[in-house]
Amino acid sequence: MPKNRLGFVLQVVAGIIIAAMLGGCNLPGPMGSTDGSQPAETNLPADVCMEPPELNFDIAAASRAPTLPELDPNTPPELGTLGSEGAVGLAAAMAPTDSFCSLVVSDSAELVISRAMKLIEQGKSEQARQVLAEWFAEQSSQWGVAARSGHMQRVAAKLAAPAQSGDSARQVIRDLVNAAAADQAAGGDGSSYSNAANQAFRDMFAGEIGDAGFEDSMRLAEEAWRLGENELGETAANRARKIWEEKLKADIEDFDPCTATKEQVSDLLNSLAQAMLLGVQGSFDSGGQYYDAVVAKSQTAINQLTSQAAAKAGFTDLASPPPECTVGGDFELRQTLPYAKEPCVNSIPFTLTWQGNTAKLEGDGATECTHVEYNLGGSPGNMHQESTLTLSFSGTATAGTPGTLQVTLTTTEEVVEYFSGFPKEQVPLFTEASPFRVSGEGTFPLTFEFREGAQAEIINPKSGLPVLVFVLHLITTP
């Protein structure tokens, strides 16, 4: 139940709106009925089915449920909020549509009750009550046989029989509650009929609750509350709540944020909103285990979808997938040799192995970079430079917004230099046949933001210029 005055107001408004949504534009009618009343030509009294259904939905809580936003490749996505109107609409969608109030009064009962109502209009209330009492006495024995028959069917066929016997019992209850209203209209208290209706319901409840799924449990709860069987109503509501909690658990476990579609994200958020509406513990706001899990997975999913949309639209600078959806990638290596005006561009692949919010990074490879400086210093000679790098990457990735990548780079390099093109009388010191060679090793720490296009550099301490520039490229799950 709502915990404050605003929640109470929302609850009352929700009940009225739900009834209106289910009953069309007329006065609030039976939950799930197509028109909220018997056909216009009948003369039946208003009964408990004309009241707004009592479902104990927590509209105030559900109004705070997260929702799927419009996804724009140019805007970081944020989850929306359902709001009161959305919560009321969701409550209406969850309301049972096949309770006894969805049935019309049977033809035989309608004939008797309509006759009694006409007698009341003529000022013959006692005669009206007598007509009702005679009908009740005549039907009671038949209902008793029907109930016993229904019980035997349930024993013989657990799946099919309860629905059949339940439909029959619900028709009996529907007729009785309207007869009770007619008896009250004639000056009686309606207790004979309402007591019989409640007893029929209790018998039906005992036969159905053990095998009731979510929708059947919700139906039994609503019917019980209509009849004032509050303890049975709470029993059915608790069963429905538990069933939905198990469903929500499974939905969370089965949800893969890296491959989810918009529809799947919406379904997961809707499952949470319904849990909030039902009062499932752990589904309320930040700190609830189910709430936090759904929000975290949904946010990752919409980040992934937005990144994919940006990449598809050609906005590669905006296509930054969530870390936990990244299985690996490559380091684009830009190496600029002395005298060279443009860098050599190579790439080294790496993999990520995720466990929770962190991942182990591993990658290695080799690159080659060459440059020829023609007419070195205005001379006719040329200088040739060749660099061979062997690189090994290891490190840790951490999820977040945008997350980080801590990498240790180990390198082994061999540099070869020689000259060509000089006149014969000017023999260079290093030739292609006898070049200058130097090798070296190094270990360098690199830190990246975990996003597409993030960069890190290794700077030459003498010149202050970058020797190696690394650009991060990410590969996501399909």
Protein backbone atom coordinates (compact mmCIF):
# COMPACT_ATOMS: atom_id res chain seq x y z
CA MET A 1 0.00 0.00 0.00
CA PRO A 2 1.21 3.59 -0.56
CA LYS A 3 3.29 4.91 2.32
CA ASN A 4 2.25 8.57 2.31
CA ARG A 5 -0.59 10.88 1.47
CA LEU A 6 0.53 11.41 -2.13
CA GLY A 7 0.75 7.66 -2.57
CA PHE A 8 -2.76 7.27 -1.14
CA VAL A 9 -4.15 9.86 -3.55
CA LEU A 10 -2.42 8.16 -6.46
CA GLN A 11 -3.82 4.81 -5.32
CA VAL A 12 -7.37 6.12 -5.25
CA VAL A 13 -7.00 7.91 -8.57
CA ALA A 14 -5.42 4.83 -10.07
CA GLY A 15 -8.35 2.66 -9.00
CA ILE A 16 -10.82 5.03 -10.60
CA ILE A 17 -8.78 5.37 -13.80
CA ILE A 18 -8.19 1.63 -14.07
CA ALA A 19 -11.89 0.97 -13.69
CA ALA A 20 -12.65 3.61 -16.31
CA MET A 21 -10.10 2.12 -18.70
CA LEU A 22 -11.62 -1.30 -18.26
CA GLY A 23 -15.23 -0.17 -18.36
CA GLY A 24 -15.13 2.30 -21.26
CA CYS A 25 -16.70 5.74 -20.91
CA ASN A 26 -19.57 4.61 -18.69
CA LEU A 27 -19.51 4.48 -14.93
CA PRO A 28 -16.81 2.17 -13.57
CA GLY A 29 -17.93 -1.36 -14.33
CA PRO A 30 -16.84 -4.94 -13.70
CA MET A 31 -13.11 -5.47 -14.15
CA GLY A 32 -12.48 -6.96 -17.54
CA SER A 33 -16.08 -6.71 -18.79
CA THR A 34 -16.53 -5.32 -22.24
CA ASP A 35 -19.11 -2.70 -21.37
CA GLY A 36 -19.20 -2.62 -17.56
CA SER A 37 -22.82 -3.77 -17.24
CA GLN A 38 -25.58 -6.07 -18.41
CA PRO A 39 -27.30 -5.18 -21.71
CA ALA A 40 -29.25 -1.92 -21.50
CA GLU A 41 -32.68 -3.59 -21.59
CA THR A 42 -32.15 -5.50 -18.33
CA ASN A 43 -33.30 -4.20 -14.95
CA LEU A 44 -30.51 -5.39 -12.67
CA PRO A 45 -29.22 -3.64 -9.56
CA ALA A 46 -25.72 -2.28 -9.09
CA ASP A 47 -23.56 -4.73 -7.13
CA VAL A 48 -19.96 -5.19 -5.94
CA CYS A 49 -18.82 -5.57 -9.53
CA MET A 50 -19.67 -1.92 -10.16
CA GLU A 51 -16.99 -0.80 -7.68
CA PRO A 52 -13.41 -0.03 -8.76
CA PRO A 53 -11.26 -3.15 -8.32
CA GLU A 54 -9.05 -3.28 -5.24
CA LEU A 55 -5.65 -4.57 -6.33
CA ASN A 56 -3.29 -2.97 -3.78
CA PHE A 57 -0.94 -1.83 -6.55
CA ASP A 58 1.81 0.55 -5.41
CA ILE A 59 1.33 3.25 -8.02
CA ALA A 60 3.66 5.68 -6.24
CA ALA A 61 6.55 3.21 -6.33
CA ALA A 62 5.95 2.17 -9.94
CA SER A 63 5.85 5.80 -11.04
CA ARG A 64 9.59 5.94 -10.26
CA ALA A 65 10.40 2.91 -12.42
CA PRO A 66 13.13 3.44 -15.06
CA THR A 67 12.12 3.41 -18.72
CA LEU A 68 13.80 3.14 -22.11
CA PRO A 69 14.71 6.57 -23.54
CA GLU A 70 14.80 7.66 -27.15
CA LEU A 71 18.24 6.68 -28.46
CA ASP A 72 20.18 9.45 -30.20
CA PRO A 73 23.73 8.71 -31.48
CA ASN A 74 24.69 12.30 -30.65
CA THR A 75 23.52 12.21 -27.02
CA PRO A 76 24.69 10.03 -24.11
CA PRO A 77 21.65 7.89 -23.20
CA GLU A 78 20.01 8.11 -19.80
CA LEU A 79 17.12 6.03 -18.50
CA GLY A 80 13.79 7.83 -18.17
CA THR A 81 11.08 7.57 -15.52
CA LEU A 82 7.67 5.94 -15.92
CA GLY A 83 5.66 8.61 -14.09
CA SER A 84 2.22 8.38 -12.50
CA GLU A 85 0.30 8.19 -15.77
CA GLY A 86 2.51 5.38 -17.02
CA ALA A 87 2.18 3.52 -13.72
CA VAL A 88 -1.60 3.76 -13.86
CA GLY A 89 -1.60 2.46 -17.43
CA LEU A 90 0.66 -0.42 -16.44
CA ALA A 91 -1.64 -1.25 -13.53
CA ALA A 92 -4.60 -1.34 -15.90
CA ALA A 93 -2.72 -3.72 -18.20
CA MET A 94 -1.98 -6.04 -15.27
CA ALA A 95 -5.52 -6.06 -13.89
CA PRO A 96 -7.33 -9.40 -14.30
CA THR A 97 -9.81 -9.53 -17.16
CA ASP A 98 -11.52 -12.85 -16.42
CA SER A 99 -12.75 -12.61 -12.83
CA PHE A 100 -16.38 -13.38 -11.96
CA CYS A 101 -17.12 -9.69 -12.51
CA SER A 102 -16.22 -10.09 -16.18
CA LEU A 103 -19.24 -12.37 -16.57
CA VAL A 104 -22.79 -11.19 -17.16
CA VAL A 105 -25.56 -12.47 -14.94
CA SER A 106 -26.86 -15.74 -16.37
CA ASP A 107 -30.15 -15.73 -18.29
CA SER A 108 -31.98 -17.70 -15.62
CA ALA A 109 -30.80 -15.46 -12.79
CA GLU A 110 -31.40 -12.32 -14.84
CA LEU A 111 -35.04 -13.34 -15.43
CA VAL A 112 -35.69 -13.74 -11.69
CA ILE A 113 -33.72 -10.70 -10.53
CA SER A 114 -35.31 -8.45 -13.16
CA ARG A 115 -38.75 -9.65 -12.03
CA ALA A 116 -37.83 -8.87 -8.41
CA MET A 117 -36.64 -5.38 -9.35
CA LYS A 118 -39.93 -4.66 -11.14
CA LEU A 119 -41.85 -5.75 -8.06
CA ILE A 120 -39.74 -3.36 -6.00
CA GLU A 121 -40.63 -0.55 -8.40
CA GLN A 122 -44.28 -1.44 -7.85
CA GLY A 123 -43.80 -1.19 -4.09
CA LYS A 124 -44.01 -4.96 -3.56
CA SER A 125 -40.69 -5.49 -1.79
CA GLU A 126 -41.76 -8.53 0.21
CA GLN A 127 -42.94 -10.28 -2.91
CA ALA A 128 -39.64 -9.42 -4.55
CA ARG A 129 -37.69 -10.98 -1.69
CA GLN A 130 -39.90 -14.07 -1.88
CA VAL A 131 -39.22 -14.45 -5.61
CA LEU A 132 -35.49 -14.27 -4.93
CA ALA A 133 -35.69 -16.70 -2.02
CA GLU A 134 -37.59 -19.30 -4.07
CA TRP A 135 -35.07 -19.03 -6.89
CA PHE A 136 -32.20 -19.36 -4.41
CA ALA A 137 -33.69 -22.47 -2.80
CA GLU A 138 -34.28 -24.09 -6.19
CA GLN A 139 -30.76 -23.38 -7.46
CA SER A 140 -28.86 -24.31 -4.30
CA SER A 141 -29.18 -28.05 -4.77
CA GLN A 142 -27.98 -27.79 -8.38
CA TRP A 143 -24.97 -25.69 -7.36
CA GLY A 144 -24.07 -28.24 -4.73
CA VAL A 145 -23.99 -31.02 -7.34
CA ALA A 146 -21.95 -28.81 -9.65
CA ALA A 147 -19.42 -28.08 -6.94
CA ARG A 148 -18.96 -31.76 -6.10
CA SER A 149 -18.66 -32.57 -9.76
CA GLY A 150 -16.01 -29.89 -10.17
CA HIS A 151 -14.05 -31.35 -7.25
CA MET A 152 -14.02 -34.80 -8.84
CA GLN A 153 -12.86 -33.31 -12.11
CA ARG A 154 -9.96 -31.57 -10.38
CA VAL A 155 -8.86 -34.85 -8.85
CA ALA A 156 -9.06 -36.61 -12.22
CA ALA A 157 -7.41 -33.95 -14.35
CA LYS A 158 -5.43 -31.28 -12.52
CA LEU A 159 -4.81 -29.06 -15.51
CA ALA A 160 -8.07 -28.95 -17.43
CA ALA A 161 -10.71 -29.42 -14.75
CA PRO A 162 -9.98 -26.44 -12.47
CA ALA A 163 -10.56 -23.97 -15.28
CA GLN A 164 -13.84 -25.58 -16.23
CA SER A 165 -15.12 -25.90 -12.67
CA GLY A 166 -13.78 -22.41 -11.91
CA ASP A 167 -15.78 -20.91 -14.75
CA SER A 168 -18.89 -22.64 -13.47
CA ALA A 169 -18.26 -21.46 -9.91
CA ARG A 170 -17.60 -17.93 -11.08
CA GLN A 171 -20.97 -17.84 -12.83
CA VAL A 172 -22.65 -18.93 -9.61
CA ILE A 173 -20.82 -16.21 -7.67
CA ARG A 174 -21.71 -13.60 -10.28
CA ASP A 175 -25.40 -14.47 -10.03
CA LEU A 176 -25.36 -14.51 -6.23
CA VAL A 177 -23.73 -11.10 -5.76
CA ASN A 178 -26.34 -9.55 -8.03
CA ALA A 179 -29.12 -11.36 -6.17
CA ALA A 180 -27.67 -10.01 -2.90
CA ALA A 181 -27.87 -6.49 -4.29
CA ALA A 182 -31.50 -7.08 -5.35
CA ASP A 183 -32.39 -8.39 -1.88
CA GLN A 184 -30.83 -5.28 -0.34
CA ALA A 185 -32.83 -3.12 -2.75
CA ALA A 186 -35.96 -4.86 -1.42
CA GLY A 187 -35.07 -4.03 2.16
CA GLY A 188 -33.20 -7.20 3.09
CA ASP A 189 -29.54 -7.48 4.07
CA GLY A 190 -28.58 -9.79 1.18
CA SER A 191 -26.63 -12.00 3.61
CA SER A 192 -28.07 -15.32 2.43
CA TYR A 193 -26.84 -14.66 -1.08
CA SER A 194 -23.55 -12.99 -0.19
CA ASN A 195 -22.73 -15.75 2.31
CA ALA A 196 -23.41 -18.34 -0.34
CA ALA A 197 -21.27 -16.41 -2.83
CA ASN A 198 -18.40 -16.24 -0.36
CA GLN A 199 -18.67 -19.93 0.44
CA ALA A 200 -18.66 -20.78 -3.26
CA PHE A 201 -15.58 -18.59 -3.65
CA ARG A 202 -13.77 -20.19 -0.72
CA ASP A 203 -14.40 -23.64 -2.18
CA MET A 204 -13.18 -22.50 -5.59
CA PHE A 205 -10.14 -20.77 -4.06
CA ALA A 206 -9.10 -23.95 -2.25
CA GLY A 207 -9.20 -25.87 -5.52
CA GLU A 208 -7.34 -23.30 -7.62
CA ILE A 209 -4.68 -21.64 -5.49
CA GLY A 210 -2.33 -24.64 -5.34
CA ASP A 211 -1.76 -24.66 -9.12
CA ALA A 212 -2.39 -20.98 -9.79
CA GLY A 213 0.05 -19.16 -12.04
CA PHE A 214 0.59 -15.42 -11.93
CA GLU A 215 -2.57 -14.37 -13.79
CA ASP A 216 -4.75 -16.85 -11.91
CA SER A 217 -3.31 -15.67 -8.59
CA MET A 218 -4.03 -12.05 -9.48
CA ARG A 219 -7.57 -12.99 -10.44
CA LEU A 220 -8.13 -14.81 -7.16
CA ALA A 221 -6.72 -11.87 -5.19
CA GLU A 222 -9.00 -9.37 -6.90
CA GLU A 223 -12.05 -11.61 -6.46
CA ALA A 224 -11.25 -12.21 -2.80
CA TRP A 225 -10.89 -8.51 -2.07
CA ARG A 226 -14.18 -7.76 -3.84
CA LEU A 227 -15.94 -10.26 -1.58
CA GLY A 228 -14.22 -9.05 1.59
CA GLU A 229 -12.14 -12.24 1.87
CA ASN A 230 -9.05 -10.20 2.72
CA GLU A 231 -6.97 -13.03 4.13
CA LEU A 232 -7.48 -15.10 1.00
CA GLY A 233 -6.80 -12.03 -1.10
CA GLU A 234 -3.45 -11.51 0.60
CA THR A 235 -2.59 -15.20 0.18
CA ALA A 236 -3.23 -14.98 -3.56
CA ALA A 237 -1.41 -11.64 -3.83
CA ASN A 238 1.65 -13.06 -2.05
CA ARG A 239 1.66 -15.99 -4.45
CA ALA A 240 1.47 -13.65 -7.45
CA ARG A 241 4.24 -11.51 -5.94
CA LYS A 242 6.49 -14.53 -5.44
CA ILE A 243 5.87 -15.81 -8.97
CA TRP A 244 6.75 -12.40 -10.39
CA GLU A 245 9.88 -12.19 -8.27
CA GLU A 246 11.08 -15.50 -9.71
CA LYS A 247 10.29 -14.24 -13.20
CA LEU A 248 12.25 -11.04 -12.58
CA LYS A 249 15.23 -13.05 -11.32
CA ALA A 250 15.18 -15.15 -14.49
CA ASP A 251 14.78 -12.07 -16.69
CA ILE A 252 17.85 -10.47 -15.11
CA GLU A 253 19.92 -13.64 -15.36
CA ASP A 254 19.00 -14.26 -19.01
CA PHE A 255 19.53 -10.66 -20.12
CA ASP A 256 22.74 -10.00 -22.09
CA PRO A 257 23.24 -6.23 -22.29
CA CYS A 258 25.82 -6.57 -25.04
CA THR A 259 23.45 -8.26 -27.52
CA ALA A 260 20.06 -7.02 -26.31
CA THR A 261 17.64 -5.29 -28.68
CA LYS A 262 15.58 -2.24 -27.75
CA GLU A 263 12.57 -4.50 -27.31
CA GLN A 264 14.47 -6.75 -24.91
CA VAL A 265 15.63 -3.76 -22.86
CA SER A 266 12.05 -2.49 -22.73
CA ASP A 267 10.81 -5.92 -21.60
CA LEU A 268 13.34 -6.06 -18.76
CA LEU A 269 12.45 -2.56 -17.57
CA ASN A 270 8.76 -3.45 -17.78
CA SER A 271 9.36 -6.55 -15.68
CA LEU A 272 10.96 -4.37 -12.99
CA ALA A 273 8.15 -1.80 -13.14
CA GLN A 274 5.57 -4.53 -12.61
CA ALA A 275 7.58 -5.87 -9.67
CA MET A 276 7.54 -2.37 -8.16
CA LEU A 277 3.81 -2.18 -8.77
CA LEU A 278 3.31 -5.51 -6.98
CA GLY A 279 5.55 -4.56 -4.05
CA VAL A 280 8.30 -7.14 -4.68
CA GLN A 281 11.03 -6.60 -2.10
CA GLY A 282 14.33 -5.51 -3.67
CA SER A 283 12.67 -3.79 -6.61
CA PHE A 284 12.33 -0.35 -5.01
CA ASP A 285 14.74 2.40 -6.03
CA SER A 286 18.51 2.47 -5.60
CA GLY A 287 19.83 -0.11 -3.18
CA GLY A 288 17.31 -2.81 -4.06
CA GLN A 289 19.07 -5.86 -5.48
CA TYR A 290 16.69 -6.26 -8.41
CA TYR A 291 16.41 -2.54 -9.08
CA ASP A 292 20.17 -2.02 -9.16
CA ALA A 293 20.76 -5.08 -11.36
CA VAL A 294 18.13 -4.03 -13.90
CA VAL A 295 19.32 -0.42 -14.02
CA ALA A 296 22.97 -1.45 -14.44
CA LYS A 297 22.24 -3.95 -17.21
CA SER A 298 19.77 -1.67 -18.98
CA GLN A 299 22.18 1.28 -18.92
CA THR A 300 24.92 -0.90 -20.39
CA ALA A 301 22.53 -2.13 -23.05
CA ILE A 302 21.42 1.35 -24.15
CA ASN A 303 25.06 2.51 -24.16
CA GLN A 304 25.82 -0.40 -26.47
CA LEU A 305 22.84 0.32 -28.72
CA THR A 306 23.76 4.00 -28.93
CA SER A 307 27.35 3.13 -29.80
CA GLN A 308 26.16 0.78 -32.53
CA ALA A 309 23.82 3.44 -33.91
CA ALA A 310 26.64 5.98 -33.95
CA ALA A 311 28.93 3.58 -35.80
CA LYS A 312 26.18 2.77 -38.32
CA ALA A 313 25.58 6.48 -38.91
CA GLY A 314 29.28 7.04 -39.52
CA PHE A 315 29.93 8.90 -36.26
CA THR A 316 32.99 6.81 -35.42
CA ASP A 317 34.21 9.35 -32.88
CA LEU A 318 30.95 8.82 -30.92
CA ALA A 319 30.94 5.02 -31.25
CA SER A 320 32.30 4.05 -27.84
CA PRO A 321 30.93 0.68 -26.69
CA PRO A 322 30.64 -0.15 -22.99
CA PRO A 323 33.77 -1.81 -21.61
CA GLU A 324 31.97 -4.97 -20.55
CA CYS A 325 30.68 -5.42 -24.10
CA THR A 326 34.20 -5.24 -25.51
CA VAL A 327 35.92 -8.54 -26.23
CA GLY A 328 39.12 -6.94 -27.45
CA GLY A 329 40.42 -4.62 -30.12
CA ASP A 330 43.71 -3.33 -31.40
CA PHE A 331 46.24 -0.65 -30.64
CA GLU A 332 46.86 1.49 -33.69
CA LEU A 333 50.59 2.30 -33.53
CA ARG A 334 51.87 5.51 -35.15
CA GLN A 335 55.66 5.54 -35.27
CA THR A 336 57.57 8.55 -36.58
CA LEU A 337 61.24 7.97 -37.48
CA PRO A 338 63.84 10.78 -37.43
CA TYR A 339 63.58 13.01 -40.51
CA ALA A 340 60.21 11.47 -41.44
CA LYS A 341 57.30 13.87 -41.80
CA GLU A 342 54.56 11.19 -41.70
CA PRO A 343 54.28 8.27 -39.28
CA CYS A 344 54.18 4.60 -40.11
CA VAL A 345 50.85 3.12 -39.08
CA ASN A 346 50.54 -0.47 -37.81
CA SER A 347 48.20 -2.29 -35.43
CA ILE A 348 48.58 -4.83 -32.65
CA PRO A 349 45.52 -6.86 -31.60
CA PHE A 350 44.58 -7.54 -27.99
CA THR A 351 41.95 -9.53 -26.13
CA LEU A 352 39.93 -8.84 -22.99
CA THR A 353 38.73 -11.49 -20.57
CA TRP A 354 36.04 -10.06 -18.30
CA GLN A 355 35.21 -11.13 -14.78
CA GLY A 356 32.73 -8.77 -13.19
CA ASN A 357 33.74 -5.15 -13.79
CA THR A 358 37.40 -5.86 -14.59
CA ALA A 359 39.15 -7.61 -17.45
CA LYS A 360 42.57 -9.01 -18.18
CA LEU A 361 44.22 -7.55 -21.28
CA GLU A 362 46.72 -9.45 -23.40
CA GLY A 363 48.21 -8.69 -26.81
CA ASP A 364 51.43 -8.88 -28.79
CA GLY A 365 52.83 -8.46 -32.28
CA ALA A 366 55.57 -7.04 -34.46
CA THR A 367 55.74 -3.97 -36.68
CA GLU A 368 58.05 -2.57 -39.33
CA CYS A 369 58.63 1.06 -40.20
CA THR A 370 60.91 2.45 -42.96
CA HIS A 371 61.85 5.88 -44.20
CA VAL A 372 64.25 7.22 -46.87
CA GLU A 373 65.53 10.75 -46.52
CA TYR A 374 66.56 11.76 -50.02
CA ASN A 375 69.36 14.29 -50.68
CA LEU A 376 70.37 14.30 -47.07
CA GLY A 377 71.40 17.79 -46.06
CA GLY A 378 71.47 18.92 -49.70
CA SER A 379 73.91 16.21 -50.69
CA PRO A 380 73.31 13.68 -53.45
CA GLY A 381 73.16 10.92 -50.84
CA ASN A 382 70.17 9.27 -49.24
CA MET A 383 69.71 7.95 -45.70
CA HIS A 384 67.70 4.74 -45.16
CA GLN A 385 66.05 3.99 -41.83
CA GLU A 386 64.39 0.75 -40.84
CA SER A 387 62.81 -0.04 -37.45
CA THR A 388 61.51 -3.42 -36.36
CA LEU A 389 59.51 -3.46 -33.14
CA THR A 390 58.28 -6.42 -31.11
CA LEU A 391 55.60 -5.35 -28.66
CA SER A 392 53.87 -7.11 -25.80
CA PHE A 393 50.90 -5.62 -23.95
CA SER A 394 49.49 -6.70 -20.60
CA GLY A 395 47.15 -4.91 -18.27
CA THR A 396 43.74 -4.44 -16.76
CA ALA A 397 40.53 -2.88 -18.04
CA THR A 398 38.00 -1.43 -15.63
CA ALA A 399 34.36 -0.78 -16.48
CA GLY A 400 32.92 2.63 -15.79
CA THR A 401 32.00 5.86 -17.49
CA PRO A 402 34.05 5.75 -19.61
CA GLY A 403 36.27 3.26 -17.73
CA THR A 404 40.06 2.93 -17.82
CA LEU A 405 42.72 0.79 -19.43
CA GLN A 406 46.02 0.39 -17.58
CA VAL A 407 48.63 -1.20 -19.85
CA THR A 408 52.28 -2.20 -19.49
CA LEU A 409 54.10 -2.19 -22.81
CA THR A 410 57.30 -4.19 -23.23
CA THR A 411 59.25 -3.51 -26.43
CA THR A 412 62.26 -4.89 -28.22
CA GLU A 413 63.51 -2.74 -31.13
CA GLU A 414 66.16 -3.09 -33.79
CA VAL A 415 67.08 -0.04 -35.84
CA VAL A 416 69.02 -0.32 -39.11
CA GLU A 417 70.52 2.71 -40.93
CA TYR A 418 72.64 3.01 -44.09
CA PHE A 419 73.34 5.42 -46.92
CA SER A 420 73.13 5.25 -50.70
CA GLY A 421 73.49 7.46 -53.76
CA PHE A 422 76.83 9.03 -52.88
CA PRO A 423 79.51 9.38 -55.62
CA LYS A 424 82.04 6.57 -55.81
CA GLU A 425 84.74 8.77 -54.40
CA GLN A 426 82.59 9.42 -51.30
CA VAL A 427 82.15 5.99 -49.80
CA PRO A 428 79.71 6.21 -46.85
CA LEU A 429 80.55 4.68 -43.50
CA PHE A 430 77.40 2.50 -43.50
CA THR A 431 76.10 0.78 -46.62
CA GLU A 432 73.26 -1.58 -47.34
CA ALA A 433 75.75 -4.44 -47.22
CA SER A 434 77.20 -3.20 -43.95
CA PRO A 435 74.57 -1.13 -42.16
CA PHE A 436 74.54 0.46 -38.74
CA ARG A 437 72.56 -1.64 -36.29
CA VAL A 438 71.37 -0.89 -32.80
CA SER A 439 68.88 -2.70 -30.58
CA GLY A 440 67.22 -1.95 -27.30
CA GLU A 441 64.51 -2.90 -24.88
CA GLY A 442 62.08 -0.88 -22.84
CA THR A 443 59.05 -1.05 -20.57
CA PHE A 444 56.49 1.73 -20.60
CA PRO A 445 53.25 2.32 -18.67
CA LEU A 446 50.29 3.45 -20.77
CA THR A 447 46.90 4.70 -19.54
CA PHE A 448 43.83 5.02 -21.76
CA GLU A 449 40.28 6.09 -21.19
CA PHE A 450 38.19 3.10 -22.15
CA ARG A 451 36.61 4.58 -25.24
CA GLU A 452 37.02 4.36 -28.98
CA GLY A 453 39.86 6.58 -30.21
CA ALA A 454 41.52 7.17 -26.84
CA GLN A 455 45.25 7.87 -27.14
CA ALA A 456 48.48 7.42 -25.19
CA GLU A 457 52.03 8.49 -26.15
CA ILE A 458 55.67 7.70 -25.51
CA ILE A 459 57.67 10.95 -25.57
CA ASN A 460 61.33 11.40 -26.57
CA PRO A 461 62.84 13.01 -23.45
CA LYS A 462 65.36 14.96 -25.50
CA SER A 463 63.09 16.46 -28.14
CA GLY A 464 59.87 16.40 -26.17
CA LEU A 465 58.13 14.97 -29.25
CA PRO A 466 56.15 11.75 -29.37
CA VAL A 467 58.07 8.75 -30.68
CA LEU A 468 55.14 6.34 -30.51
CA VAL A 469 51.44 7.21 -30.44
CA PHE A 470 48.87 4.53 -29.58
CA VAL A 471 45.20 4.86 -30.60
CA LEU A 472 42.67 2.52 -28.99
CA HIS A 473 40.20 0.69 -31.23
CA LEU A 474 37.55 -1.56 -29.68
CA ILE A 475 35.71 -4.64 -30.88
CA THR A 476 32.34 -5.42 -29.31
CA THR A 477 30.28 -8.56 -29.14
CA PRO A 478 28.06 -9.09 -32.21
